[in-house]
Amino acid sequence: MVAPHSFDQRVSRAVLRRLANARLRSGAEVFDAVVERLPRTAGEYGDRTEIGTRITVLRSDVPSLARGATIVYDSASYTTEELGALAAVTYTVDERDEDDTFVAAYWVTKA
C-alpha cells in the first residue's frame, strides 16, 4: 500500500496545478509551471531592482533544474497557433530563488 501524501504536499500540488499558466519542457522532463514577471532585487546590498521572469514548479515534477538548463514550451501541449506565438521563447535557468520540500522557484532569462 502506498502511503498517502501529506496535507501540505496535496495543497502545494493543487494550488500549483490550478495556477499553472504554462506547460514547459527541459530535456525529456515535461512539467506545469507558473511563469510570472516579478521585481528582482540585485546588487551586493540589494540596491538595484529589476523586473525578471520567475518560474515555479512542483519538485515532484522536476526535482532540480541546473543553472544554464534550457527550458522551452512543450510542443505537444499547445496548438500550432499558440506555438507560433511562443516558439521564439526559450528560457535559461539563471538561479534558484526559493526551494522548499514541495515547490521550487527559479529565476530565468530569455535565451
PDB file of N, CA and C in Angstrom:
ATOM      1  N   MET A   1       0.839  -1.179   0.000  1.00  0.00           N
ATOM      2  CA  MET A   1       0.000   0.000   0.000  1.00  0.00           C
ATOM      3  C   MET A   1       0.883   1.241   0.000  1.00  0.00           C
ATOM      4  N   VAL A   2       0.537   2.200  -0.819  1.00  0.00           N
ATOM      5  CA  VAL A   2       1.302   3.435  -0.928  1.00  0.00           C
ATOM      6  C   VAL A   2       0.845   4.404   0.153  1.00  0.00           C
ATOM      7  N   ALA A   3       1.806   5.018   0.826  1.00  0.00           N
ATOM      8  CA  ALA A   3       1.471   5.993   1.871  1.00  0.00           C
ATOM      9  C   ALA A   3       0.836   7.223   1.239  1.00  0.00           C
ATOM     10  N   PRO A   4      -0.185   7.785   1.867  1.00  0.00           N
ATOM     11  CA  PRO A   4      -0.829   8.983   1.319  1.00  0.00           C
ATOM     12  C   PRO A   4       0.112  10.180   1.404  1.00  0.00           C
ATOM     13  N   HIS A   5      -0.089  11.103   0.491  1.00  0.00           N
ATOM     14  CA  HIS A   5       0.706  12.330   0.521  1.00  0.00           C
ATOM     15  C   HIS A   5       0.296  13.167   1.728  1.00  0.00           C
ATOM     16  N   SER A   6       1.225  13.943   2.237  1.00  0.00           N
ATOM     17  CA  SER A   6       0.911  14.811   3.372  1.00  0.00           C
ATOM     18  C   SER A   6      -0.060  15.902   2.926  1.00  0.00           C
ATOM     19  N   PHE A   7      -0.715  16.515   3.889  1.00  0.00           N
ATOM     20  CA  PHE A   7      -1.657  17.592   3.592  1.00  0.00           C
ATOM     21  C   PHE A   7      -0.942  18.740   2.886  1.00  0.00           C
ATOM     22  N   ASP A   8       0.237  19.125   3.376  1.00  0.00           N
ATOM     23  CA  ASP A   8       0.996  20.221   2.762  1.00  0.00           C
ATOM     24  C   ASP A   8       1.345  19.915   1.310  1.00  0.00           C
ATOM     25  N   GLN A   9       1.706  18.684   1.040  1.00  0.00           N
ATOM     26  CA  GLN A   9       2.062  18.301  -0.319  1.00  0.00           C
ATOM     27  C   GLN A   9       0.839  18.346  -1.229  1.00  0.00           C
ATOM     28  N   ARG A  10      -0.294  17.882  -0.735  1.00  0.00           N
ATOM     29  CA  ARG A  10      -1.522  17.924  -1.542  1.00  0.00           C
ATOM     30  C   ARG A  10      -1.950  19.355  -1.822  1.00  0.00           C
ATOM     31  N   VAL A  11      -1.816  20.240  -0.831  1.00  0.00           N
ATOM     32  CA  VAL A  11      -2.168  21.651  -1.029  1.00  0.00           C
ATOM     33  C   VAL A  11      -1.230  22.285  -2.056  1.00  0.00           C
ATOM     34  N   SER A  12       0.069  22.057  -1.910  1.00  0.00           N
ATOM     35  CA  SER A  12       1.044  22.607  -2.863  1.00  0.00           C
ATOM     36  C   SER A  12       0.734  22.153  -4.281  1.00  0.00           C
ATOM     37  N   ARG A  13       0.460  20.877  -4.439  1.00  0.00           N
ATOM     38  CA  ARG A  13       0.156  20.328  -5.762  1.00  0.00           C
ATOM     39  C   ARG A  13      -1.129  20.932  -6.332  1.00  0.00           C
ATOM     40  N   ALA A  14      -2.174  21.002  -5.531  1.00  0.00           N
ATOM     41  CA  ALA A  14      -3.454  21.529  -6.013  1.00  0.00           C
ATOM     42  C   ALA A  14      -3.345  22.999  -6.407  1.00  0.00           C
ATOM     43  N   VAL A  15      -2.660  23.785  -5.600  1.00  0.00           N
ATOM     44  CA  VAL A  15      -2.530  25.218  -5.881  1.00  0.00           C
ATOM     45  C   VAL A  15      -1.701  25.445  -7.139  1.00  0.00           C
ATOM     46  N   LEU A  16      -0.571  24.778  -7.255  1.00  0.00           N
ATOM     47  CA  LEU A  16       0.267  25.000  -8.430  1.00  0.00           C
ATOM     48  C   LEU A  16      -0.418  24.516  -9.699  1.00  0.00           C
ATOM     49  N   ARG A  17      -1.088  23.388  -9.642  1.00  0.00           N
ATOM     50  CA  ARG A  17      -1.805  22.891 -10.830  1.00  0.00           C
ATOM     51  C   ARG A  17      -2.909  23.871 -11.242  1.00  0.00           C
ATOM     52  N   ARG A  18      -3.559  24.480 -10.266  1.00  0.00           N
ATOM     53  CA  ARG A  18      -4.645  25.425 -10.555  1.00  0.00           C
ATOM     54  C   ARG A  18      -4.112  26.734 -11.137  1.00  0.00           C
ATOM     55  N   LEU A  19      -2.972  27.202 -10.625  1.00  0.00           N
ATOM     56  CA  LEU A  19      -2.419  28.484 -11.055  1.00  0.00           C
ATOM     57  C   LEU A  19      -1.477  28.376 -12.257  1.00  0.00           C
ATOM     58  N   ALA A  20      -1.083  27.164 -12.616  1.00  0.00           N
ATOM     59  CA  ALA A  20      -0.116  26.985 -13.709  1.00  0.00           C
ATOM     60  C   ALA A  20      -0.617  27.651 -14.986  1.00  0.00           C
ATOM     61  N   ASN A  21       0.264  28.426 -15.605  1.00  0.00           N
ATOM     62  CA  ASN A  21      -0.097  29.107 -16.844  1.00  0.00           C
ATOM     63  C   ASN A  21       0.793  28.676 -18.010  1.00  0.00           C
ATOM     64  N   ALA A  22       1.596  27.625 -17.795  1.00  0.00           N
ATOM     65  CA  ALA A  22       2.462  27.139 -18.871  1.00  0.00           C
ATOM     66  C   ALA A  22       2.776  25.662 -18.674  1.00  0.00           C
ATOM     67  N   ARG A  23       2.971  24.996 -19.784  1.00  0.00           N
ATOM     68  CA  ARG A  23       3.453  23.607 -19.783  1.00  0.00           C
ATOM     69  C   ARG A  23       4.817  23.674 -20.454  1.00  0.00           C
ATOM     70  N   LEU A  24       5.859  23.400 -19.677  1.00  0.00           N
ATOM     71  CA  LEU A  24       7.227  23.584 -20.145  1.00  0.00           C
ATOM     72  C   LEU A  24       7.957  22.256 -20.267  1.00  0.00           C
ATOM     73  N   ARG A  25       9.097  22.302 -20.954  1.00  0.00           N
ATOM     74  CA  ARG A  25       9.930  21.121 -21.127  1.00  0.00           C
ATOM     75  C   ARG A  25      11.384  21.517 -20.963  1.00  0.00           C
ATOM     76  N   SER A  26      12.105  20.715 -20.199  1.00  0.00           N
ATOM     77  CA  SER A  26      13.551  20.854 -20.071  1.00  0.00           C
ATOM     78  C   SER A  26      14.139  19.470 -20.310  1.00  0.00           C
ATOM     79  N   GLY A  27      14.780  19.297 -21.447  1.00  0.00           N
ATOM     80  CA  GLY A  27      15.251  17.964 -21.823  1.00  0.00           C
ATOM     81  C   GLY A  27      14.059  17.057 -22.058  1.00  0.00           C
ATOM     82  N   ALA A  28      14.014  15.918 -21.374  1.00  0.00           N
ATOM     83  CA  ALA A  28      12.905  14.974 -21.518  1.00  0.00           C
ATOM     84  C   ALA A  28      11.790  15.232 -20.511  1.00  0.00           C
ATOM     85  N   GLU A  29      12.028  16.106 -19.537  1.00  0.00           N
ATOM     86  CA  GLU A  29      11.041  16.355 -18.485  1.00  0.00           C
ATOM     87  C   GLU A  29      10.026  17.406 -18.924  1.00  0.00           C
ATOM     88  N   VAL A  30       8.738  17.071 -18.810  1.00  0.00           N
ATOM     89  CA  VAL A  30       7.648  17.987 -19.119  1.00  0.00           C
ATOM     90  C   VAL A  30       6.924  18.271 -17.816  1.00  0.00           C
ATOM     91  N   PHE A  31       6.615  19.557 -17.564  1.00  0.00           N
ATOM     92  CA  PHE A  31       6.035  19.921 -16.277  1.00  0.00           C
ATOM     93  C   PHE A  31       5.185  21.177 -16.388  1.00  0.00           C
ATOM     94  N   ASP A  32       4.214  21.292 -15.464  1.00  0.00           N
ATOM     95  CA  ASP A  32       3.410  22.503 -15.342  1.00  0.00           C
ATOM     96  C   ASP A  32       4.205  23.520 -14.548  1.00  0.00           C
ATOM     97  N   ALA A  33       3.993  24.795 -14.861  1.00  0.00           N
ATOM     98  CA  ALA A  33       4.721  25.843 -14.147  1.00  0.00           C
ATOM     99  C   ALA A  33       3.907  27.124 -14.109  1.00  0.00           C
ATOM    100  N   VAL A  34       4.194  27.936 -13.124  1.00  0.00           N
ATOM    101  CA  VAL A  34       3.676  29.297 -13.065  1.00  0.00           C
ATOM    102  C   VAL A  34       4.814  30.185 -13.555  1.00  0.00           C
ATOM    103  N   VAL A  35       4.592  30.869 -14.674  1.00  0.00           N
ATOM    104  CA  VAL A  35       5.583  31.790 -15.226  1.00  0.00           C
ATOM    105  C   VAL A  35       5.080  33.190 -14.932  1.00  0.00           C
ATOM    106  N   GLU A  36       5.905  33.996 -14.257  1.00  0.00           N
ATOM    107  CA  GLU A  36       5.471  35.341 -13.886  1.00  0.00           C
ATOM    108  C   GLU A  36       6.625  36.326 -13.952  1.00  0.00           C
ATOM    109  N   ARG A  37       6.281  37.580 -14.197  1.00  0.00           N
ATOM    110  CA  ARG A  37       7.258  38.668 -14.199  1.00  0.00           C
ATOM    111  C   ARG A  37       7.155  39.359 -12.849  1.00  0.00           C
ATOM    112  N   LEU A  38       8.275  39.436 -12.143  1.00  0.00           N
ATOM    113  CA  LEU A  38       8.293  39.981 -10.786  1.00  0.00           C
ATOM    114  C   LEU A  38       9.502  40.881 -10.581  1.00  0.00           C
ATOM    115  N   PRO A  39       9.419  41.797  -9.608  1.00  0.00           N
ATOM    116  CA  PRO A  39      10.606  42.580  -9.257  1.00  0.00           C
ATOM    117  C   PRO A  39      11.665  41.661  -8.658  1.00  0.00           C
ATOM    118  N   ARG A  40      12.895  41.878  -9.049  1.00  0.00           N
ATOM    119  CA  ARG A  40      14.009  41.061  -8.573  1.00  0.00           C
ATOM    120  C   ARG A  40      15.087  41.990  -8.026  1.00  0.00           C
ATOM    121  N   THR A  41      15.431  41.797  -6.777  1.00  0.00           N
ATOM    122  CA  THR A  41      16.452  42.620  -6.143  1.00  0.00           C
ATOM    123  C   THR A  41      17.823  42.091  -6.532  1.00  0.00           C
ATOM    124  N   ALA A  42      18.703  43.000  -6.908  1.00  0.00           N
ATOM    125  CA  ALA A  42      20.047  42.608  -7.336  1.00  0.00           C
ATOM    126  C   ALA A  42      21.069  43.529  -6.678  1.00  0.00           C
ATOM    127  N   GLY A  43      22.308  43.240  -6.887  1.00  0.00           N
ATOM    128  CA  GLY A  43      23.368  44.055  -6.315  1.00  0.00           C
ATOM    129  C   GLY A  43      23.835  43.492  -4.992  1.00  0.00           C
ATOM    130  N   GLU A  44      25.016  43.911  -4.589  1.00  0.00           N
ATOM    131  CA  GLU A  44      25.623  43.381  -3.376  1.00  0.00           C
ATOM    132  C   GLU A  44      24.773  43.637  -2.140  1.00  0.00           C
ATOM    133  N   TYR A  45      24.142  44.795  -2.080  1.00  0.00           N
ATOM    134  CA  TYR A  45      23.338  45.145  -0.910  1.00  0.00           C
ATOM    135  C   TYR A  45      21.853  45.246  -1.248  1.00  0.00           C
ATOM    136  N   GLY A  46      21.456  44.659  -2.354  1.00  0.00           N
ATOM    137  CA  GLY A  46      20.055  44.718  -2.760  1.00  0.00           C
ATOM    138  C   GLY A  46      19.644  46.111  -3.173  1.00  0.00           C
ATOM    139  N   ASP A  47      20.602  46.869  -3.715  1.00  0.00           N
ATOM    140  CA  ASP A  47      20.356  48.267  -4.043  1.00  0.00           C
ATOM    141  C   ASP A  47      19.746  48.483  -5.423  1.00  0.00           C
ATOM    142  N   ARG A  48      19.630  47.437  -6.218  1.00  0.00           N
ATOM    143  CA  ARG A  48      19.015  47.557  -7.536  1.00  0.00           C
ATOM    144  C   ARG A  48      17.821  46.615  -7.619  1.00  0.00           C
ATOM    145  N   THR A  49      16.806  47.071  -8.311  1.00  0.00           N
ATOM    146  CA  THR A  49      15.646  46.216  -8.556  1.00  0.00           C
ATOM    147  C   THR A  49      15.384  46.208 -10.050  1.00  0.00           C
ATOM    148  N   GLU A  50      15.187  45.043 -10.589  1.00  0.00           N
ATOM    149  CA  GLU A  50      14.866  44.891 -11.997  1.00  0.00           C
ATOM    150  C   GLU A  50      13.682  43.944 -12.109  1.00  0.00           C
ATOM    151  N   ILE A  51      13.031  43.943 -13.245  1.00  0.00           N
ATOM    152  CA  ILE A  51      11.924  43.020 -13.475  1.00  0.00           C
ATOM    153  C   ILE A  51      12.501  41.763 -14.114  1.00  0.00           C
ATOM    154  N   GLY A  52      12.204  40.623 -13.525  1.00  0.00           N
ATOM    155  CA  GLY A  52      12.710  39.358 -14.041  1.00  0.00           C
ATOM    156  C   GLY A  52      11.588  38.354 -14.225  1.00  0.00           C
ATOM    157  N   THR A  53      11.894  37.259 -14.877  1.00  0.00           N
ATOM    158  CA  THR A  53      10.935  36.175 -15.084  1.00  0.00           C
ATOM    159  C   THR A  53      11.270  35.055 -14.114  1.00  0.00           C
ATOM    160  N   ARG A  54      10.247  34.612 -13.398  1.00  0.00           N
ATOM    161  CA  ARG A  54      10.427  33.538 -12.425  1.00  0.00           C
ATOM    162  C   ARG A  54       9.453  32.419 -12.747  1.00  0.00           C
ATOM    163  N   ILE A  55       9.931  31.176 -12.679  1.00  0.00           N
ATOM    164  CA  ILE A  55       9.044  30.032 -12.853  1.00  0.00           C
ATOM    165  C   ILE A  55       8.979  29.272 -11.533  1.00  0.00           C
ATOM    166  N   THR A  56       7.797  28.792 -11.219  1.00  0.00           N
ATOM    167  CA  THR A  56       7.583  27.996 -10.011  1.00  0.00           C
ATOM    168  C   THR A  56       7.074  26.634 -10.445  1.00  0.00           C
ATOM    169  N   VAL A  57       7.696  25.582  -9.915  1.00  0.00           N
ATOM    170  CA  VAL A  57       7.368  24.212 -10.317  1.00  0.00           C
ATOM    171  C   VAL A  57       7.228  23.325  -9.086  1.00  0.00           C
ATOM    172  N   LEU A  58       6.555  22.203  -9.279  1.00  0.00           N
ATOM    173  CA  LEU A  58       6.497  21.191  -8.228  1.00  0.00           C
ATOM    174  C   LEU A  58       7.777  20.372  -8.275  1.00  0.00           C
ATOM    175  N   ARG A  59       8.372  20.139  -7.137  1.00  0.00           N
ATOM    176  CA  ARG A  59       9.598  19.335  -7.100  1.00  0.00           C
ATOM    177  C   ARG A  59       9.328  17.887  -7.489  1.00  0.00           C
ATOM    178  N   SER A  60       8.087  17.416  -7.312  1.00  0.00           N
ATOM    179  CA  SER A  60       7.771  16.049  -7.731  1.00  0.00           C
ATOM    180  C   SER A  60       7.766  15.928  -9.258  1.00  0.00           C
ATOM    181  N   ASP A  61       7.498  17.029  -9.973  1.00  0.00           N
ATOM    182  CA  ASP A  61       7.523  17.032 -11.439  1.00  0.00           C
ATOM    183  C   ASP A  61       8.943  17.161 -11.975  1.00  0.00           C
ATOM    184  N   VAL A  62       9.699  18.041 -11.383  1.00  0.00           N
ATOM    185  CA  VAL A  62      11.068  18.292 -11.827  1.00  0.00           C
ATOM    186  C   VAL A  62      11.920  18.530 -10.581  1.00  0.00           C
ATOM    187  N   PRO A  63      12.657  17.510 -10.138  1.00  0.00           N
ATOM    188  CA  PRO A  63      13.401  17.605  -8.878  1.00  0.00           C
ATOM    189  C   PRO A  63      14.386  18.763  -8.816  1.00  0.00           C
ATOM    190  N   SER A  64      15.045  19.067  -9.931  1.00  0.00           N
ATOM    191  CA  SER A  64      16.028  20.146  -9.917  1.00  0.00           C
ATOM    192  C   SER A  64      16.297  20.617 -11.336  1.00  0.00           C
ATOM    193  N   LEU A  65      16.513  21.911 -11.478  1.00  0.00           N
ATOM    194  CA  LEU A  65      16.922  22.483 -12.755  1.00  0.00           C
ATOM    195  C   LEU A  65      18.295  23.106 -12.548  1.00  0.00           C
ATOM    196  N   ALA A  66      19.261  22.649 -13.290  1.00  0.00           N
ATOM    197  CA  ALA A  66      20.623  23.156 -13.139  1.00  0.00           C
ATOM    198  C   ALA A  66      20.754  24.539 -13.763  1.00  0.00           C
ATOM    199  N   ARG A  67      21.663  25.324 -13.213  1.00  0.00           N
ATOM    200  CA  ARG A  67      21.936  26.636 -13.782  1.00  0.00           C
ATOM    201  C   ARG A  67      22.389  26.448 -15.232  1.00  0.00           C
ATOM    202  N   GLY A  68      21.802  27.222 -16.132  1.00  0.00           N
ATOM    203  CA  GLY A  68      22.127  27.109 -17.548  1.00  0.00           C
ATOM    204  C   GLY A  68      21.241  26.148 -18.316  1.00  0.00           C
ATOM    205  N   ALA A  69      20.359  25.421 -17.616  1.00  0.00           N
ATOM    206  CA  ALA A  69      19.446  24.493 -18.297  1.00  0.00           C
ATOM    207  C   ALA A  69      18.505  25.273 -19.213  1.00  0.00           C
ATOM    208  N   THR A  70      18.177  24.694 -20.346  1.00  0.00           N
ATOM    209  CA  THR A  70      17.289  25.326 -21.315  1.00  0.00           C
ATOM    210  C   THR A  70      15.864  24.843 -21.084  1.00  0.00           C
ATOM    211  N   ILE A  71      14.923  25.789 -21.105  1.00  0.00           N
ATOM    212  CA  ILE A  71      13.503  25.481 -20.901  1.00  0.00           C
ATOM    213  C   ILE A  71      12.724  26.069 -22.072  1.00  0.00           C
ATOM    214  N   VAL A  72      11.849  25.257 -22.668  1.00  0.00           N
ATOM    215  CA  VAL A  72      11.006  25.709 -23.774  1.00  0.00           C
ATOM    216  C   VAL A  72       9.563  25.308 -23.485  1.00  0.00           C
ATOM    217  N   TYR A  73       8.629  25.895 -24.235  1.00  0.00           N
ATOM    218  CA  TYR A  73       7.234  25.490 -24.116  1.00  0.00           C
ATOM    219  C   TYR A  73       7.069  24.123 -24.766  1.00  0.00           C
ATOM    220  N   ASP A  74       6.303  23.240 -24.134  1.00  0.00           N
ATOM    221  CA  ASP A  74       6.113  21.874 -24.618  1.00  0.00           C
ATOM    222  C   ASP A  74       5.260  21.875 -25.881  1.00  0.00           C
ATOM    223  N   SER A  75       5.818  21.410 -26.980  1.00  0.00           N
ATOM    224  CA  SER A  75       5.122  21.454 -28.272  1.00  0.00           C
ATOM    225  C   SER A  75       3.899  20.545 -28.322  1.00  0.00           C
ATOM    226  N   ALA A  76       3.843  19.505 -27.496  1.00  0.00           N
ATOM    227  CA  ALA A  76       2.698  18.591 -27.500  1.00  0.00           C
ATOM    228  C   ALA A  76       1.498  19.157 -26.740  1.00  0.00           C
ATOM    229  N   SER A  77       1.684  20.252 -26.022  1.00  0.00           N
ATOM    230  CA  SER A  77       0.622  20.792 -25.171  1.00  0.00           C
ATOM    231  C   SER A  77      -0.072  22.019 -25.746  1.00  0.00           C
ATOM    232  N   TYR A  78       0.385  22.508 -26.898  1.00  0.00           N
ATOM    233  CA  TYR A  78      -0.161  23.739 -27.461  1.00  0.00           C
ATOM    234  C   TYR A  78      -0.572  23.535 -28.912  1.00  0.00           C
ATOM    235  N   THR A  79      -1.521  24.368 -29.370  1.00  0.00           N
ATOM    236  CA  THR A  79      -1.931  24.323 -30.773  1.00  0.00           C
ATOM    237  C   THR A  79      -0.842  24.967 -31.630  1.00  0.00           C
ATOM    238  N   THR A  80      -0.965  24.797 -32.936  1.00  0.00           N
ATOM    239  CA  THR A  80       0.010  25.380 -33.861  1.00  0.00           C
ATOM    240  C   THR A  80       0.047  26.898 -33.737  1.00  0.00           C
ATOM    241  N   GLU A  81      -1.128  27.521 -33.577  1.00  0.00           N
ATOM    242  CA  GLU A  81      -1.193  28.976 -33.449  1.00  0.00           C
ATOM    243  C   GLU A  81      -0.518  29.447 -32.160  1.00  0.00           C
ATOM    244  N   GLU A  82      -0.797  28.736 -31.073  1.00  0.00           N
ATOM    245  CA  GLU A  82      -0.171  29.098 -29.794  1.00  0.00           C
ATOM    246  C   GLU A  82       1.344  28.944 -29.865  1.00  0.00           C
ATOM    247  N   LEU A  83       1.793  27.872 -30.475  1.00  0.00           N
ATOM    248  CA  LEU A  83       3.238  27.658 -30.607  1.00  0.00           C
ATOM    249  C   LEU A  83       3.884  28.716 -31.485  1.00  0.00           C
ATOM    250  N   GLY A  84       3.145  29.204 -32.472  1.00  0.00           N
ATOM    251  CA  GLY A  84       3.682  30.272 -33.316  1.00  0.00           C
ATOM    252  C   GLY A  84       4.026  31.499 -32.502  1.00  0.00           C
ATOM    253  N   ALA A  85       3.194  31.807 -31.514  1.00  0.00           N
ATOM    254  CA  ALA A  85       3.451  32.960 -30.652  1.00  0.00           C
ATOM    255  C   ALA A  85       4.519  32.667 -29.605  1.00  0.00           C
ATOM    256  N   LEU A  86       4.641  31.403 -29.203  1.00  0.00           N
ATOM    257  CA  LEU A  86       5.570  31.039 -28.128  1.00  0.00           C
ATOM    258  C   LEU A  86       6.890  30.458 -28.617  1.00  0.00           C
ATOM    259  N   ALA A  87       6.972  30.090 -29.883  1.00  0.00           N
ATOM    260  CA  ALA A  87       8.134  29.352 -30.385  1.00  0.00           C
ATOM    261  C   ALA A  87       9.451  30.084 -30.181  1.00  0.00           C
ATOM    262  N   ALA A  88       9.412  31.391 -30.224  1.00  0.00           N
ATOM    263  CA  ALA A  88      10.656  32.150 -30.105  1.00  0.00           C
ATOM    264  C   ALA A  88      11.126  32.264 -28.660  1.00  0.00           C
ATOM    265  N   VAL A  89      10.300  31.820 -27.712  1.00  0.00           N
ATOM    266  CA  VAL A  89      10.666  31.972 -26.304  1.00  0.00           C
ATOM    267  C   VAL A  89      11.392  30.729 -25.804  1.00  0.00           C
ATOM    268  N   THR A  90      12.622  30.927 -25.416  1.00  0.00           N
ATOM    269  CA  THR A  90      13.430  29.894 -24.785  1.00  0.00           C
ATOM    270  C   THR A  90      14.017  30.510 -23.531  1.00  0.00           C
ATOM    271  N   TYR A  91      13.887  29.821 -22.416  1.00  0.00           N
ATOM    272  CA  TYR A  91      14.421  30.329 -21.156  1.00  0.00           C
ATOM    273  C   TYR A  91      15.685  29.566 -20.779  1.00  0.00           C
ATOM    274  N   THR A  92      16.552  30.245 -20.055  1.00  0.00           N
ATOM    275  CA  THR A  92      17.740  29.628 -19.478  1.00  0.00           C
ATOM    276  C   THR A  92      17.696  29.868 -17.983  1.00  0.00           C
ATOM    277  N   VAL A  93      17.918  28.828 -17.186  1.00  0.00           N
ATOM    278  CA  VAL A  93      17.885  28.968 -15.731  1.00  0.00           C
ATOM    279  C   VAL A  93      19.062  29.824 -15.283  1.00  0.00           C
ATOM    280  N   ASP A  94      18.747  30.877 -14.524  1.00  0.00           N
ATOM    281  CA  ASP A  94      19.769  31.779 -14.007  1.00  0.00           C
ATOM    282  C   ASP A  94      20.180  31.359 -12.598  1.00  0.00           C
ATOM    283  N   GLU A  95      19.183  31.269 -11.702  1.00  0.00           N
ATOM    284  CA  GLU A  95      19.475  30.837 -10.334  1.00  0.00           C
ATOM    285  C   GLU A  95      18.198  30.382  -9.644  1.00  0.00           C
ATOM    286  N   ARG A  96      18.354  29.595  -8.598  1.00  0.00           N
ATOM    287  CA  ARG A  96      17.219  29.143  -7.800  1.00  0.00           C
ATOM    288  C   ARG A  96      16.833  30.279  -6.861  1.00  0.00           C
ATOM    289  N   ASP A  97      15.540  30.562  -6.793  1.00  0.00           N
ATOM    290  CA  ASP A  97      15.059  31.636  -5.927  1.00  0.00           C
ATOM    291  C   ASP A  97      14.591  31.079  -4.596  1.00  0.00           C
ATOM    292  N   GLU A  98      13.617  30.191  -4.631  1.00  0.00           N
ATOM    293  CA  GLU A  98      13.071  29.600  -3.415  1.00  0.00           C
ATOM    294  C   GLU A  98      13.015  28.095  -3.600  1.00  0.00           C
ATOM    295  N   ASP A  99      13.110  27.405  -2.496  1.00  0.00           N
ATOM    296  CA  ASP A  99      13.069  25.951  -2.569  1.00  0.00           C
ATOM    297  C   ASP A  99      12.574  25.438  -1.224  1.00  0.00           C
ATOM    298  N   ASP A 100      11.480  24.714  -1.244  1.00  0.00           N
ATOM    299  CA  ASP A 100      11.043  24.069  -0.008  1.00  0.00           C
ATOM    300  C   ASP A 100      10.822  22.593  -0.315  1.00  0.00           C
ATOM    301  N   THR A 101      10.168  21.918   0.531  1.00  0.00           N
ATOM    302  CA  THR A 101      10.005  20.482   0.370  1.00  0.00           C
ATOM    303  C   THR A 101       9.245  20.105  -0.895  1.00  0.00           C
ATOM    304  N   PHE A 102       8.271  20.916  -1.293  1.00  0.00           N
ATOM    305  CA  PHE A 102       7.385  20.527  -2.384  1.00  0.00           C
ATOM    306  C   PHE A 102       7.462  21.408  -3.627  1.00  0.00           C
ATOM    307  N   VAL A 103       7.860  22.666  -3.478  1.00  0.00           N
ATOM    308  CA  VAL A 103       7.835  23.629  -4.573  1.00  0.00           C
ATOM    309  C   VAL A 103       9.203  24.293  -4.702  1.00  0.00           C
ATOM    310  N   ALA A 104       9.629  24.550  -5.934  1.00  0.00           N
ATOM    311  CA  ALA A 104      10.878  25.275  -6.177  1.00  0.00           C
ATOM    312  C   ALA A 104      10.602  26.396  -7.174  1.00  0.00           C
ATOM    313  N   ALA A 105      11.269  27.524  -6.997  1.00  0.00           N
ATOM    314  CA  ALA A 105      11.141  28.657  -7.911  1.00  0.00           C
ATOM    315  C   ALA A 105      12.525  29.010  -8.443  1.00  0.00           C
ATOM    316  N   TYR A 106      12.570  29.370  -9.723  1.00  0.00           N
ATOM    317  CA  TYR A 106      13.832  29.697 -10.383  1.00  0.00           C
ATOM    318  C   TYR A 106      13.689  31.005 -11.144  1.00  0.00           C
ATOM    319  N   TRP A 107      14.738  31.830 -11.104  1.00  0.00           N
ATOM    320  CA  TRP A 107      14.816  32.996 -11.978  1.00  0.00           C
ATOM    321  C   TRP A 107      15.366  32.506 -13.304  1.00  0.00           C
ATOM    322  N   VAL A 108      14.748  32.928 -14.397  1.00  0.00           N
ATOM    323  CA  VAL A 108      15.193  32.523 -15.722  1.00  0.00           C
ATOM    324  C   VAL A 108      15.373  33.757 -16.598  1.00  0.00           C
ATOM    325  N   THR A 109      16.161  33.618 -17.636  1.00  0.00           N
ATOM    326  CA  THR A 109      16.333  34.688 -18.614  1.00  0.00           C
ATOM    327  C   THR A 109      15.959  34.145 -19.983  1.00  0.00           C
ATOM    328  N   LYS A 110      15.492  35.033 -20.854  1.00  0.00           N
ATOM    329  CA  LYS A 110      15.176  34.611 -22.219  1.00  0.00           C
ATOM    330  C   LYS A 110      16.484  34.429 -22.968  1.00  0.00           C
ATOM    331  N   ALA A 111      16.611  33.292 -23.617  1.00  0.00           N
ATOM    332  CA  ALA A 111      17.852  32.996 -24.351  1.00  0.00           C
ATOM    333  C   ALA A 111      17.787  33.573 -25.749  1.00  0.00           C
TER     334      ALA A 111
END
